[in-house]
Amino acid sequence: MGSFQGKTVFITGASRGIGLAIGLRLAQEGANIVIAAKTTEPHPKLPGTIYTAAAEIVAAGGQALPLMVDVRSEESIYAAVEETIKTFGGIDILVNNASAISLTPTLQTDMKRYDLMHQINTRGTFLTSKACLPHLLKAQNPHVLNLSPPLNMETRWFAPHVAYTMAKFGMSMCVLGMAGEFKKQGVAFNALWPRTAIATAAVQNLLGGDESIRRCRKPDIMADAAHLIFGQDSRQCTGNFFIDDQVLRDLGGITDFSNYRYTDIADEELMPDFFV
């Protein structure tokens, strides 16, 4: 596994949660982390801003570029990419992490919420990938990682929340299509998804609070899995729908995941994530 010293990593939604965890993991090896997120002022229900995230990145050993970015805005994304190139000279890795969630059935899904999920999840992922690609094509081992699920086309994953599933699967369809489209040019496109729920603000606020958090794994498991994926040859490792603990097992030889549990509970008590 090579070091990420001097590599530039553009992460959407990196002010907290899994996006920040991935940034911190790569910062430990000297990476430049672009924190492309919306939160500039502290939020009552959501921890962290782009500036607190930047301070953590620097403390971990990396360089940070906090940028206020709305992935729904073409102008905002292209301005952030331009600032990244001006500051660091290139882009080696893109993490499409920004996401919106609303687990509502059809009749309870208002179109404003539907549009938000599709604009951030599917369109935001497509747009950010498109904006970064001219620079990724110049990189030595370019990787794009979408935090999205395997394309399991089963009714049970659609029926409870059609709108959300469509928006997340749109991110995965970007992996499927772009992996094929850019294979010859050597840009890797992969998806990464957790086997269990991960202790994030989304779980705390939307999926059951403290009781659900107790049954989660830490964001570190996703960060360690992403780190292993980015260490692979981009010409060989593309078009995959990875699951976090399977990556650690197959690429890292790790079989004991107990240190990733948020609390000291048995594996069978962990809450499975959607889509797996």
Protein backbone atom coordinates (compact mmCIF):
# COMPACT_ATOMS: atom_id res chain seq x y z
CA MET A 1 0.00 0.00 0.00
CA GLY A 2 1.47 3.33 -1.06
CA SER A 3 1.31 6.50 0.97
CA PHE A 4 -1.19 9.21 0.08
CA GLN A 5 1.34 11.98 0.77
CA GLY A 6 0.52 14.91 -1.51
CA LYS A 7 -2.51 13.22 -3.09
CA THR A 8 -5.55 15.47 -3.41
CA VAL A 9 -8.91 14.06 -2.34
CA PHE A 10 -12.16 15.91 -3.12
CA ILE A 11 -14.92 14.80 -0.71
CA THR A 12 -18.51 16.04 -0.87
CA GLY A 13 -20.35 16.26 2.44
CA ALA A 14 -17.09 15.95 4.37
CA SER A 15 -17.92 18.21 7.33
CA ARG A 16 -19.05 15.21 9.42
CA GLY A 17 -19.77 11.50 9.48
CA ILE A 18 -18.39 9.07 6.94
CA GLY A 19 -17.05 11.77 4.61
CA LEU A 20 -14.99 13.32 7.38
CA ALA A 21 -13.81 9.89 8.59
CA ILE A 22 -12.46 9.09 5.11
CA GLY A 23 -10.73 12.47 4.99
CA LEU A 24 -9.13 11.92 8.39
CA ARG A 25 -7.90 8.45 7.42
CA LEU A 26 -6.14 9.75 4.31
CA ALA A 27 -4.89 12.86 6.13
CA GLN A 28 -2.92 10.55 8.42
CA GLU A 29 -0.76 9.77 5.37
CA GLY A 30 -0.36 13.41 4.36
CA ALA A 31 -3.18 13.79 1.83
CA ASN A 32 -4.70 17.11 0.80
CA ILE A 33 -8.39 16.99 1.69
CA VAL A 34 -10.97 19.22 0.01
CA ILE A 35 -13.97 19.53 2.33
CA ALA A 36 -16.77 20.33 -0.12
CA ALA A 37 -19.87 20.78 2.04
CA LYS A 38 -22.63 23.23 2.90
CA THR A 39 -22.29 23.70 6.66
CA THR A 40 -20.41 26.88 7.54
CA GLU A 41 -22.26 27.71 10.77
CA PRO A 42 -22.89 25.28 13.67
CA HIS A 43 -26.21 23.43 13.33
CA PRO A 44 -28.30 22.47 16.40
CA LYS A 45 -28.79 18.86 15.26
CA LEU A 46 -25.71 18.28 13.10
CA PRO A 47 -22.15 18.29 14.47
CA GLY A 48 -19.32 20.05 12.66
CA THR A 49 -18.74 22.65 9.97
CA ILE A 50 -16.32 22.75 7.05
CA TYR A 51 -13.96 24.74 9.32
CA THR A 52 -14.02 22.34 12.29
CA ALA A 53 -13.49 19.49 9.82
CA ALA A 54 -10.51 21.35 8.32
CA ALA A 55 -8.96 21.75 11.78
CA GLU A 56 -9.32 18.00 12.39
CA ILE A 57 -7.76 17.21 9.00
CA VAL A 58 -4.74 19.40 9.75
CA ALA A 59 -4.38 17.90 13.22
CA ALA A 60 -4.39 14.41 11.64
CA GLY A 61 -1.44 15.34 9.40
CA GLY A 62 -3.04 16.48 6.14
CA GLN A 63 -3.68 19.75 4.39
CA ALA A 64 -7.27 21.01 4.27
CA LEU A 65 -9.24 23.20 1.90
CA PRO A 66 -12.69 23.97 3.33
CA LEU A 67 -15.09 25.07 0.59
CA MET A 68 -18.75 25.98 0.93
CA VAL A 69 -20.31 23.86 -1.81
CA ASP A 70 -23.87 23.02 -2.79
CA VAL A 71 -23.72 19.91 -4.99
CA ARG A 72 -27.04 20.93 -6.56
CA SER A 73 -25.34 23.96 -8.13
CA GLU A 74 -23.23 23.54 -11.25
CA GLU A 75 -21.62 26.93 -10.61
CA SER A 76 -20.75 25.95 -7.02
CA ILE A 77 -19.17 22.63 -8.02
CA TYR A 78 -17.08 24.05 -10.86
CA ALA A 79 -15.88 26.92 -8.67
CA ALA A 80 -14.80 24.43 -5.99
CA VAL A 81 -12.95 22.29 -8.53
CA GLU A 82 -11.20 25.40 -9.88
CA GLU A 83 -10.18 26.43 -6.36
CA THR A 84 -8.88 22.90 -5.72
CA ILE A 85 -6.69 23.00 -8.83
CA LYS A 86 -5.44 26.47 -7.94
CA THR A 87 -4.53 25.32 -4.41
CA PHE A 88 -3.25 21.77 -4.91
CA GLY A 89 -2.62 21.45 -8.66
CA GLY A 90 -4.80 18.42 -9.38
CA ILE A 91 -7.34 15.87 -8.16
CA ASP A 92 -6.41 12.24 -7.52
CA ILE A 93 -9.48 10.92 -5.73
CA LEU A 94 -13.16 11.90 -5.65
CA VAL A 95 -15.54 10.72 -2.94
CA ASN A 96 -19.21 11.30 -3.72
CA ASN A 97 -20.53 11.17 -0.17
CA ALA A 98 -23.10 14.01 -0.02
CA SER A 99 -26.57 12.54 0.30
CA ALA A 100 -30.13 13.32 1.35
CA ILE A 101 -32.48 10.80 2.93
CA SER A 102 -36.23 10.64 3.48
CA LEU A 103 -37.64 7.20 4.25
CA THR A 104 -41.20 8.03 3.28
CA PRO A 105 -43.69 5.94 1.29
CA THR A 106 -45.04 7.33 -1.97
CA LEU A 107 -48.13 9.15 -0.69
CA GLN A 108 -46.16 10.77 2.13
CA THR A 109 -43.28 11.96 -0.11
CA ASP A 110 -43.75 15.57 -1.10
CA MET A 111 -42.11 16.54 -4.39
CA LYS A 112 -39.83 19.08 -2.73
CA ARG A 113 -38.24 16.24 -0.75
CA TYR A 114 -38.19 13.97 -3.81
CA ASP A 115 -36.41 16.66 -5.81
CA LEU A 116 -33.91 17.29 -3.02
CA MET A 117 -32.88 13.62 -2.85
CA HIS A 118 -32.50 13.33 -6.61
CA GLN A 119 -30.68 16.64 -6.96
CA ILE A 120 -28.14 15.79 -4.23
CA ASN A 121 -27.76 12.04 -4.59
CA THR A 122 -28.03 11.22 -8.29
CA ARG A 123 -27.55 14.57 -10.02
CA GLY A 124 -24.95 15.80 -7.53
CA THR A 125 -22.90 12.65 -7.99
CA PHE A 126 -23.08 12.87 -11.79
CA LEU A 127 -22.25 16.58 -11.80
CA THR A 128 -19.32 16.34 -9.37
CA SER A 129 -17.87 13.38 -11.25
CA LYS A 130 -18.20 15.27 -14.54
CA ALA A 131 -16.49 18.36 -13.10
CA CYS A 132 -13.59 16.39 -11.58
CA LEU A 133 -13.00 14.00 -14.49
CA PRO A 134 -10.78 16.27 -16.65
CA HIS A 135 -8.37 16.41 -13.69
CA LEU A 136 -8.77 12.76 -12.64
CA LEU A 137 -7.81 11.76 -16.19
CA LYS A 138 -4.41 13.40 -15.60
CA ALA A 139 -3.81 11.66 -12.25
CA GLN A 140 -1.52 8.68 -11.74
CA ASN A 141 -3.97 6.33 -10.00
CA PRO A 142 -7.37 8.05 -10.14
CA HIS A 143 -10.27 6.73 -8.09
CA VAL A 144 -13.90 7.78 -7.75
CA LEU A 145 -15.83 6.26 -4.86
CA ASN A 146 -19.60 6.68 -4.52
CA LEU A 147 -21.10 5.91 -1.13
CA SER A 148 -24.01 4.00 -2.56
CA PRO A 149 -25.44 0.48 -2.41
CA PRO A 150 -25.21 -2.60 -4.59
CA LEU A 151 -27.86 -2.57 -7.32
CA ASN A 152 -30.09 -5.18 -5.71
CA MET A 153 -33.25 -4.84 -7.81
CA GLU A 154 -35.58 -6.41 -5.28
CA THR A 155 -39.06 -5.17 -4.39
CA ARG A 156 -38.26 -5.18 -0.66
CA TRP A 157 -35.68 -2.41 -1.09
CA PHE A 158 -38.04 -0.20 -3.10
CA ALA A 159 -41.49 -0.70 -1.59
CA PRO A 160 -41.02 1.14 1.76
CA HIS A 161 -39.32 4.24 0.26
CA VAL A 162 -39.34 4.29 -3.54
CA ALA A 163 -38.07 7.87 -3.85
CA TYR A 164 -35.02 7.37 -1.61
CA THR A 165 -34.08 4.05 -3.19
CA MET A 166 -34.26 5.52 -6.69
CA ALA A 167 -32.01 8.41 -5.63
CA LYS A 168 -29.38 6.15 -4.01
CA PHE A 169 -29.48 3.63 -6.85
CA GLY A 170 -28.91 6.54 -9.23
CA MET A 171 -25.52 7.00 -7.56
CA SER A 172 -24.79 3.30 -8.08
CA MET A 173 -25.84 3.51 -11.72
CA CYS A 174 -23.18 6.22 -12.15
CA VAL A 175 -20.64 3.63 -10.96
CA LEU A 176 -21.95 1.00 -13.36
CA GLY A 177 -21.90 3.33 -16.36
CA MET A 178 -18.80 5.41 -15.70
CA ALA A 179 -16.67 2.41 -14.74
CA GLY A 180 -17.30 1.08 -18.24
CA GLU A 181 -17.01 4.46 -19.92
CA PHE A 182 -13.63 5.35 -18.39
CA LYS A 183 -12.07 1.89 -18.03
CA LYS A 184 -9.68 2.34 -20.95
CA GLN A 185 -8.56 5.73 -19.60
CA GLY A 186 -7.78 4.12 -16.23
CA VAL A 187 -10.19 6.02 -13.95
CA ALA A 188 -11.68 3.67 -11.35
CA PHE A 189 -15.33 4.03 -10.35
CA ASN A 190 -16.47 1.96 -7.37
CA ALA A 191 -19.27 2.00 -4.80
CA LEU A 192 -18.86 1.39 -1.08
CA TRP A 193 -21.70 0.58 1.31
CA PRO A 194 -21.80 -0.51 4.96
CA ARG A 195 -23.11 -3.92 6.00
CA THR A 196 -24.45 -2.42 9.21
CA ALA A 197 -25.82 0.97 10.12
CA ILE A 198 -23.06 3.50 10.84
CA ALA A 199 -23.12 5.88 13.82
CA THR A 200 -23.84 9.19 12.09
CA ALA A 201 -26.17 12.15 12.58
CA ALA A 202 -28.58 10.63 10.03
CA VAL A 203 -29.03 7.53 12.19
CA GLN A 204 -29.30 9.61 15.35
CA ASN A 205 -31.90 11.97 13.92
CA LEU A 206 -33.86 9.80 11.49
CA LEU A 207 -33.46 6.12 12.31
CA GLY A 208 -34.18 5.68 15.99
CA GLY A 209 -31.85 7.82 18.09
CA ASP A 210 -29.66 6.42 20.86
CA GLU A 211 -31.04 2.87 20.65
CA SER A 212 -30.13 2.66 16.97
CA ILE A 213 -26.71 4.26 17.54
CA ARG A 214 -25.99 1.56 20.12
CA ARG A 215 -26.37 -1.04 17.38
CA CYS A 216 -24.07 0.70 14.87
CA ARG A 217 -20.48 0.48 13.80
CA LYS A 218 -18.22 3.54 13.78
CA PRO A 219 -17.55 5.51 10.57
CA ASP A 220 -13.93 4.30 10.85
CA ILE A 221 -14.85 0.99 9.19
CA MET A 222 -15.90 2.83 6.04
CA ALA A 223 -12.79 5.01 6.17
CA ASP A 224 -10.47 2.00 6.46
CA ALA A 225 -12.29 0.24 3.61
CA ALA A 226 -12.03 3.33 1.39
CA HIS A 227 -8.32 3.60 2.19
CA LEU A 228 -7.79 0.01 1.00
CA ILE A 229 -9.75 0.61 -2.21
CA PHE A 230 -7.75 3.74 -3.08
CA GLY A 231 -4.54 1.74 -2.69
CA GLN A 232 -5.55 -0.58 -5.56
CA ASP A 233 -4.54 -0.16 -9.20
CA SER A 234 -7.28 1.98 -10.76
CA ARG A 235 -6.97 0.08 -14.04
CA GLN A 236 -7.75 -3.21 -12.34
CA CYS A 237 -10.08 -2.28 -9.49
CA THR A 238 -13.17 -0.70 -11.06
CA GLY A 239 -16.90 -1.32 -11.39
CA ASN A 240 -17.20 -2.95 -7.96
CA PHE A 241 -20.00 -2.63 -5.41
CA PHE A 242 -18.01 -3.08 -2.24
CA ILE A 243 -19.33 -3.82 1.26
CA ASP A 244 -17.14 -2.39 4.06
CA ASP A 245 -16.30 -5.49 6.11
CA GLN A 246 -15.83 -7.62 2.99
CA VAL A 247 -13.25 -5.10 1.71
CA LEU A 248 -11.37 -5.31 5.00
CA ARG A 249 -11.49 -9.10 4.83
CA ASP A 250 -10.48 -9.45 1.16
CA LEU A 251 -8.03 -6.56 0.74
CA GLY A 252 -6.79 -6.10 4.31
CA GLY A 253 -6.89 -9.62 5.74
CA ILE A 254 -8.94 -8.35 8.72
CA THR A 255 -11.40 -10.78 10.28
CA ASP A 256 -12.03 -9.23 13.70
CA PHE A 257 -14.32 -6.19 13.45
CA SER A 258 -15.06 -5.79 17.15
CA ASN A 259 -13.08 -2.53 17.45
CA TYR A 260 -15.47 -0.93 14.95
CA ARG A 261 -18.56 -1.46 17.11
CA TYR A 262 -19.94 1.75 18.60
CA THR A 263 -20.80 -0.10 21.82
CA ASP A 264 -19.75 -3.45 23.20
CA ILE A 265 -22.54 -5.62 21.80
CA ALA A 266 -22.55 -8.91 19.92
CA ASP A 267 -22.30 -8.90 16.11
CA GLU A 268 -25.76 -10.41 15.80
CA GLU A 269 -27.22 -7.38 17.59
CA LEU A 270 -25.82 -4.93 15.03
CA MET A 271 -28.44 -3.27 12.84
CA PRO A 272 -28.15 -4.34 9.19
CA ASP A 273 -28.13 -1.50 6.67
CA PHE A 274 -30.56 -1.14 3.79
CA PHE A 275 -29.88 -2.89 0.47
CA VAL A 276 -27.65 -5.72 1.78
